Protein backbone atom coordinates (compact mmCIF):
# COMPACT_ATOMS: atom_id res chain seq x y z
CA MET A 1 8.43 31.24 38.41
CA ASN A 2 9.11 29.67 34.96
CA GLN A 3 5.98 29.94 33.01
CA SER A 4 6.44 27.04 30.77
CA VAL A 5 3.49 24.56 30.95
CA ILE A 6 4.54 21.05 32.12
CA LEU A 7 1.01 19.46 32.54
CA GLU A 8 -2.33 20.48 31.27
CA CYS A 9 -5.82 19.04 31.60
CA ARG A 10 -8.59 19.96 29.22
CA ASP A 11 -12.26 19.56 29.73
CA VAL A 12 -11.57 16.51 31.93
CA TRP A 13 -14.51 14.50 33.25
CA LYS A 14 -14.66 11.50 35.54
CA LEU A 15 -18.23 9.99 35.82
CA TYR A 16 -19.11 6.95 37.97
CA GLY A 17 -22.20 5.08 36.84
CA PRO A 18 -24.17 3.60 34.05
CA ASN A 19 -23.17 4.51 30.47
CA ALA A 20 -21.10 7.36 31.40
CA GLU A 21 -19.08 7.70 28.25
CA THR A 22 -22.44 7.52 26.17
CA PHE A 23 -24.04 10.11 28.24
CA LEU A 24 -21.24 12.64 27.67
CA ASN A 25 -21.43 11.84 23.92
CA ASN A 26 -25.19 12.84 24.00
CA THR A 27 -24.84 15.58 26.58
CA PRO A 28 -21.43 17.18 26.07
CA ALA A 29 -21.88 19.86 28.84
CA PRO A 30 -24.11 18.42 31.32
CA LYS A 31 -25.19 20.27 34.69
CA LYS A 32 -25.04 18.69 38.10
CA GLY A 33 -28.68 17.94 37.70
CA ASP A 34 -28.54 16.35 34.73
CA LEU A 35 -25.92 13.85 36.13
CA GLY A 36 -28.18 13.24 39.09
CA ARG A 37 -31.31 12.43 36.87
CA ALA A 38 -28.96 9.86 35.00
CA GLY A 39 -27.57 8.32 38.01
CA LEU A 40 -24.30 9.38 37.57
CA ILE A 41 -21.88 11.05 40.01
CA GLY A 42 -19.57 13.59 38.62
CA ALA A 43 -16.30 13.00 40.60
CA VAL A 44 -14.47 15.52 38.32
CA ARG A 45 -16.59 17.96 36.18
CA ALA A 46 -15.21 19.90 33.08
CA ALA A 47 -11.71 20.45 34.93
CA ASN A 48 -9.35 22.88 32.90
CA VAL A 49 -5.79 23.61 34.42
CA GLN A 50 -2.25 24.31 33.57
CA ILE A 51 0.56 23.51 35.81
CA PHE A 52 3.66 25.62 35.36
CA LYS A 53 7.06 24.03 35.58
CA GLY A 54 8.80 24.54 38.96
CA GLU A 55 5.60 25.76 40.63
CA ILE A 56 3.84 24.25 43.85
CA PHE A 57 0.40 23.88 42.82
CA VAL A 58 -2.17 23.02 45.44
CA ILE A 59 -5.57 21.35 44.80
CA MET A 60 -7.87 21.89 47.80
CA GLY A 61 -11.45 21.32 48.76
CA LEU A 62 -13.46 19.52 51.43
CA SER A 63 -13.86 15.83 51.51
CA GLY A 64 -15.59 14.63 48.27
CA SER A 65 -14.71 17.77 46.36
CA GLY A 66 -12.91 15.57 43.81
CA LYS A 67 -9.43 16.69 44.56
CA SER A 68 -7.97 13.31 44.89
CA THR A 69 -9.81 12.11 42.01
CA LEU A 70 -8.55 14.78 39.70
CA VAL A 71 -4.90 13.98 40.72
CA ARG A 72 -5.44 10.31 39.90
CA CYS A 73 -6.85 11.42 36.51
CA LEU A 74 -3.80 13.78 35.96
CA SER A 75 -1.42 10.82 36.64
CA ARG A 76 -3.84 8.39 34.87
CA LEU A 77 -4.05 6.29 37.84
CA VAL A 78 -7.74 6.60 37.18
CA GLU A 79 -8.98 6.68 33.73
CA PRO A 80 -10.86 9.89 32.94
CA THR A 81 -14.31 9.57 31.27
CA ALA A 82 -13.46 12.28 28.61
CA GLY A 83 -11.05 15.11 28.21
CA GLU A 84 -7.33 15.52 27.48
CA ILE A 85 -4.20 15.38 29.69
CA HIS A 86 -1.08 16.70 28.12
CA PHE A 87 2.42 16.16 30.04
CA GLU A 88 5.37 17.59 28.28
CA GLY A 89 3.17 18.25 25.30
CA GLU A 90 2.00 14.68 24.80
CA ASN A 91 -1.39 13.33 25.57
CA LEU A 92 -1.28 11.01 28.30
CA LEU A 93 -4.53 9.30 27.18
CA ASN A 94 -3.13 8.30 23.91
CA MET A 95 -0.16 6.33 25.52
CA THR A 96 0.04 2.74 25.71
CA ASP A 97 0.33 1.06 29.31
CA LYS A 98 4.09 0.45 28.50
CA GLU A 99 4.66 4.01 27.74
CA LEU A 100 2.66 5.19 30.74
CA ILE A 101 4.46 2.77 33.09
CA GLN A 102 7.77 4.28 31.64
CA ILE A 103 6.78 7.92 32.61
CA ARG A 104 5.55 7.11 35.89
CA ARG A 105 8.84 5.22 36.68
CA SER A 106 11.23 7.91 35.19
CA LYS A 107 9.28 11.34 35.32
CA MET A 108 6.80 11.19 38.16
CA GLY A 109 6.88 10.78 41.92
CA MET A 110 3.99 10.18 44.27
CA VAL A 111 3.56 10.40 48.05
CA PHE A 112 0.31 9.58 49.68
CA GLN A 113 -1.22 10.01 52.98
CA GLN A 114 -0.36 6.34 53.65
CA PHE A 115 3.31 5.81 54.00
CA ALA A 116 3.04 2.26 52.37
CA LEU A 117 6.55 1.57 53.25
CA LEU A 118 7.58 -2.18 52.91
CA PRO A 119 8.11 -3.30 56.48
CA HIS A 120 10.64 -6.00 55.66
CA LEU A 121 13.06 -3.32 54.12
CA THR A 122 15.29 -0.78 55.83
CA VAL A 123 15.10 2.91 55.22
CA LEU A 124 17.83 2.69 52.64
CA GLU A 125 16.21 -0.44 50.87
CA ASN A 126 12.77 1.36 50.85
CA ALA A 127 14.40 4.51 49.17
CA ALA A 128 16.07 2.56 46.68
CA PHE A 129 12.94 0.23 45.84
CA PRO A 130 11.58 2.33 42.71
CA LEU A 131 15.12 1.88 41.21
CA ASP A 132 15.19 -1.63 41.86
CA VAL A 133 12.15 -1.93 39.91
CA GLN A 134 13.68 0.03 36.95
CA GLY A 135 16.56 -2.45 37.02
CA VAL A 136 19.16 0.07 38.26
CA PRO A 137 22.32 -1.82 39.42
CA LYS A 138 22.47 -2.36 43.17
CA ALA A 139 25.55 -0.22 43.87
CA GLU A 140 24.04 2.54 41.81
CA ARG A 141 20.62 2.30 43.32
CA LEU A 142 21.95 2.27 46.80
CA ALA A 143 24.24 5.26 46.20
CA ARG A 144 21.14 7.29 44.86
CA ALA A 145 19.13 6.28 47.96
CA GLN A 146 21.82 7.30 50.16
CA GLU A 147 21.73 10.64 48.62
CA VAL A 148 18.00 11.14 49.02
CA VAL A 149 17.85 9.70 52.63
CA GLU A 150 20.33 12.25 53.74
CA LEU A 151 18.57 14.93 51.80
CA VAL A 152 15.22 14.38 53.82
CA GLY A 153 17.35 14.37 57.13
CA LEU A 154 17.46 10.62 57.91
CA LYS A 155 21.28 10.15 57.93
CA GLY A 156 22.24 7.64 60.49
CA ARG A 157 18.83 5.78 60.25
CA GLU A 158 19.62 3.93 56.95
CA GLY A 159 19.29 0.54 58.54
CA TYR A 160 16.32 1.24 60.47
CA TYR A 161 12.98 -0.70 59.85
CA PRO A 162 9.76 1.26 59.43
CA ARG A 163 8.55 -0.08 62.64
CA GLU A 164 11.51 1.55 64.46
CA LEU A 165 10.59 5.17 63.03
CA SER A 166 8.11 7.93 64.22
CA GLY A 167 5.29 8.86 61.86
CA GLY A 168 7.15 11.86 60.67
CA GLN A 169 10.30 9.81 59.92
CA GLN A 170 8.19 7.36 58.17
CA GLN A 171 6.89 10.00 55.84
CA ARG A 172 10.39 11.48 55.03
CA VAL A 173 11.01 7.82 53.81
CA GLY A 174 8.13 8.06 51.56
CA ILE A 175 9.47 11.40 50.21
CA ALA A 176 12.95 10.07 49.85
CA ARG A 177 11.46 7.10 47.88
CA SER A 178 9.65 9.09 45.55
CA LEU A 179 12.68 11.61 45.02
CA ALA A 180 15.05 8.69 44.30
CA VAL A 181 13.87 8.61 40.59
CA GLU A 182 14.45 12.37 40.19
CA PRO A 183 10.91 13.06 39.07
CA ASP A 184 10.01 16.02 36.70
CA LEU A 185 6.45 16.11 38.43
CA TRP A 186 5.89 15.32 42.04
CA PHE A 187 2.36 14.35 43.21
CA LEU A 188 1.70 14.82 46.96
CA ASP A 189 -1.81 13.53 48.12
CA GLU A 190 -2.51 15.05 51.72
CA PRO A 191 0.95 13.75 52.71
CA PHE A 192 0.94 15.27 56.12
CA SER A 193 -2.59 14.92 57.15
CA ALA A 194 -1.91 11.92 59.25
CA LEU A 195 0.67 13.65 61.44
CA ASP A 196 0.20 15.42 64.77
CA PRO A 197 0.21 19.15 64.39
CA LEU A 198 3.87 19.77 65.69
CA ILE A 199 5.39 17.03 63.19
CA ARG A 200 3.05 18.35 60.51
CA ARG A 201 4.50 21.82 60.91
CA GLU A 202 8.02 20.35 60.89
CA MET A 203 7.27 18.26 57.66
CA GLN A 204 5.91 21.57 56.00
CA ASP A 205 9.09 23.43 57.01
CA GLU A 206 11.14 20.40 55.48
CA PHE A 207 9.00 20.40 52.39
CA ILE A 208 9.84 24.07 51.79
CA ARG A 209 13.40 23.52 52.36
CA LEU A 210 13.41 20.57 49.80
CA GLN A 211 11.70 22.76 47.23
CA ASN A 212 14.13 25.67 47.70
CA MET A 213 17.00 23.20 46.73
CA LEU A 214 15.31 21.10 44.26
CA HIS A 215 12.73 23.33 42.27
CA LYS A 216 10.43 20.50 41.35
CA THR A 217 6.95 20.82 39.84
CA ILE A 218 4.49 19.98 42.51
CA ILE A 219 0.90 19.19 42.64
CA PHE A 220 -0.19 18.98 46.35
CA ILE A 221 -3.65 18.03 47.75
CA THR A 222 -4.75 19.43 51.03
CA HIS A 223 -8.06 20.45 52.71
CA ASP A 224 -5.95 22.68 55.16
CA PHE A 225 -6.00 26.35 53.87
CA ASP A 226 -3.27 27.22 56.29
CA GLU A 227 -1.24 24.71 54.96
CA ALA A 228 -1.98 25.70 51.39
CA ILE A 229 -1.09 29.39 51.83
CA ARG A 230 2.46 28.29 53.32
CA LEU A 231 3.22 26.08 50.42
CA ALA A 232 1.37 27.10 47.35
CA ASP A 233 2.24 29.48 44.29
CA ARG A 234 -1.30 28.87 43.15
CA ILE A 235 -4.29 27.08 44.45
CA ALA A 236 -7.31 25.57 42.93
CA VAL A 237 -10.47 25.31 44.94
CA MET A 238 -12.72 22.41 43.99
CA LYS A 239 -16.54 21.57 45.02
CA ASP A 240 -18.64 18.95 43.77
CA GLY A 241 -15.99 17.73 41.28
CA ALA A 242 -15.75 21.32 39.61
CA ILE A 243 -12.88 23.76 40.04
CA GLN A 244 -14.34 27.03 41.41
CA GLN A 245 -11.05 29.22 41.08
CA VAL A 246 -7.44 28.96 40.32
CA ALA A 247 -5.43 31.84 41.76
CA LYS A 248 -2.58 32.90 44.02
CA PRO A 249 -3.57 32.56 47.70
CA GLU A 250 -3.79 36.38 48.14
CA GLU A 251 -6.29 36.69 45.18
CA LEU A 252 -8.46 33.97 46.57
CA VAL A 253 -8.69 35.92 49.77
CA LEU A 254 -9.19 39.24 48.12
CA ASN A 255 -11.11 38.45 45.02
CA PRO A 256 -13.06 35.31 45.52
CA ALA A 257 -14.73 34.14 42.10
CA THR A 258 -17.69 32.48 43.71
CA ASP A 259 -19.74 32.61 47.02
CA TYR A 260 -18.24 29.25 47.82
CA VAL A 261 -14.66 30.36 47.45
CA ALA A 262 -15.59 33.39 49.66
CA GLU A 263 -17.07 31.19 52.29
CA PHE A 264 -14.15 28.73 52.07
CA THR A 265 -11.54 31.64 52.69
CA ARG A 266 -13.74 33.75 55.10
CA HIS A 267 -11.99 32.42 58.38
CA VAL A 268 -8.32 32.54 56.98
CA ASN A 269 -5.96 34.81 58.93
CA ARG A 270 -5.67 37.39 56.20
CA ALA A 271 -2.37 38.85 57.54
CA LYS A 272 -0.70 35.46 56.49
CA VAL A 273 -1.86 35.89 53.02
CA ILE A 274 -2.14 39.68 52.18
CA THR A 275 1.07 41.16 51.03
CA ALA A 276 2.62 44.71 51.07
CA ALA A 277 2.00 45.00 47.40
CA ALA A 278 -1.79 44.66 47.83
CA LEU A 279 -1.90 47.38 50.33
CA ALA A 280 0.55 49.68 48.40
CA GLU A 281 -1.02 53.38 47.81
CA PRO A 282 0.46 56.27 45.86
CA LEU A 283 3.41 58.00 47.33
CA SER A 284 2.53 61.01 49.53
CA GLY A 285 4.83 63.25 51.49
CA ASP A 286 8.75 63.05 51.91
CA SER A 287 9.08 61.30 55.14
CA PHE A 288 9.38 57.38 55.20
CA SER A 289 10.56 54.99 57.81
CA GLY A 290 12.22 52.32 55.50
CA SER A 291 11.50 49.86 52.75
CA ILE A 292 9.36 46.81 52.54
CA PRO A 293 9.44 44.09 49.99
CA ALA A 294 6.32 43.99 47.96
CA ASN A 295 5.92 40.14 48.62
CA ALA A 296 6.26 40.43 52.41
CA THR A 297 3.21 39.43 54.25
CA ILE A 298 1.31 41.59 56.81
CA GLU A 299 1.97 39.13 59.46
CA THR A 300 5.63 39.57 59.10
CA ILE A 301 5.81 43.28 58.82
CA GLY A 302 2.81 44.45 60.73
CA ASP A 303 4.46 45.07 64.15
CA ARG A 304 7.24 47.11 62.31
CA VAL A 305 5.00 49.26 60.38
CA GLU A 306 2.41 49.67 63.03
CA ALA A 307 5.01 51.16 65.25
CA ALA A 308 6.82 53.38 62.89
CA GLU A 309 5.84 57.24 62.57
CA HIS A 310 5.97 57.40 58.93
CA PRO A 311 4.82 55.12 55.97
CA PHE A 312 7.23 52.62 54.41
CA HIS A 313 8.24 52.45 50.70
CA VAL A 314 7.02 49.25 48.91
CA GLU A 315 9.70 47.89 46.82
CA GLN A 316 9.61 45.36 43.93
CA ASP A 317 12.67 44.41 41.78
CA GLY A 318 14.35 47.30 43.27
CA LYS A 319 11.82 49.81 42.35
CA VAL A 320 9.37 51.79 44.53
CA ILE A 321 5.80 50.88 43.65
CA GLY A 322 4.06 52.87 46.38
CA GLN A 323 3.72 53.15 50.14
CA ILE A 324 2.34 51.08 53.03
CA THR A 325 0.68 52.85 55.89
CA ARG A 326 0.09 52.08 59.44
CA SER A 327 -3.64 52.50 58.95
CA ALA A 328 -3.66 50.17 56.09
CA VAL A 329 -1.78 47.49 58.23
CA ILE A 330 -4.07 47.96 61.12
CA ASP A 331 -7.18 47.41 59.01
CA VAL A 332 -6.01 44.00 58.10
CA LEU A 333 -4.89 43.16 61.67
CA VAL A 334 -8.21 44.02 63.00
CA GLY A 335 -10.28 42.38 60.10
CA ARG A 336 -11.56 45.60 58.38
CA ARG A 337 -9.85 44.41 55.22
């Protein structure tokens, strides 16, 4: 993963209530109790996070945890009470409305839970709409819209209206519309939560396919940990407006930073998260049944390792970093680890 930072927030706060800005000036590091006594609600509290170029960064938490508010602060759809937000090295909070609108139109894409398609426009016209707003000539915008409509698997439905589409197809149009401007940064706020489970899984698969092709920088909100671990390079867990931990899915499960994160991840199917690298032990003996990639999850290799007579090499970047044994895999599968 490319480690260059595309978006960074530094000590970002969003308070609701009387005299919020003045309160932070007088109390620069308030606790939750301080906010309550002042009649304030801390929707986002002292958020610090870096988003790396090309990664899928998932923000998750229960309803009311502040995840949607944080994302709206990151795009400045909501004005933070305090802090800094840097996009490609420039502080968004110092930009004029005109500069901000231009960045949103040309460099940011957004997909929300509500599809918000324009009912009087066809699939192709909906996908082309952001380019229409930019003043792109009709032939050029329709050609680009055709590309993204085909990209999301809706070729042949260009002339359909939203009412003629299923929920999953409507969401694909929303994704196509956000991709039409070729954004550098893509925000998705619980885009699949309104879909039934089968369509939701299908859309997750489609999303993974698109990311493998496009390599976008994505900030994805969800409250579903299974969805998060399928999609995320890293995850931020939020509670009461504060970020509890930022880590890879495996690290959240194996090394939770707080009791809340431990409870939040307690019932996760660990075989879906834990990789062979996490179970790798020093080599012992001379007999091995084969090799396992270090990033393979126990869910995908468990049957193979459990059925083998000997351990497997664990390989990373062409080098053997240890071995994985049947007993270690069984410990994960039965919940002992």
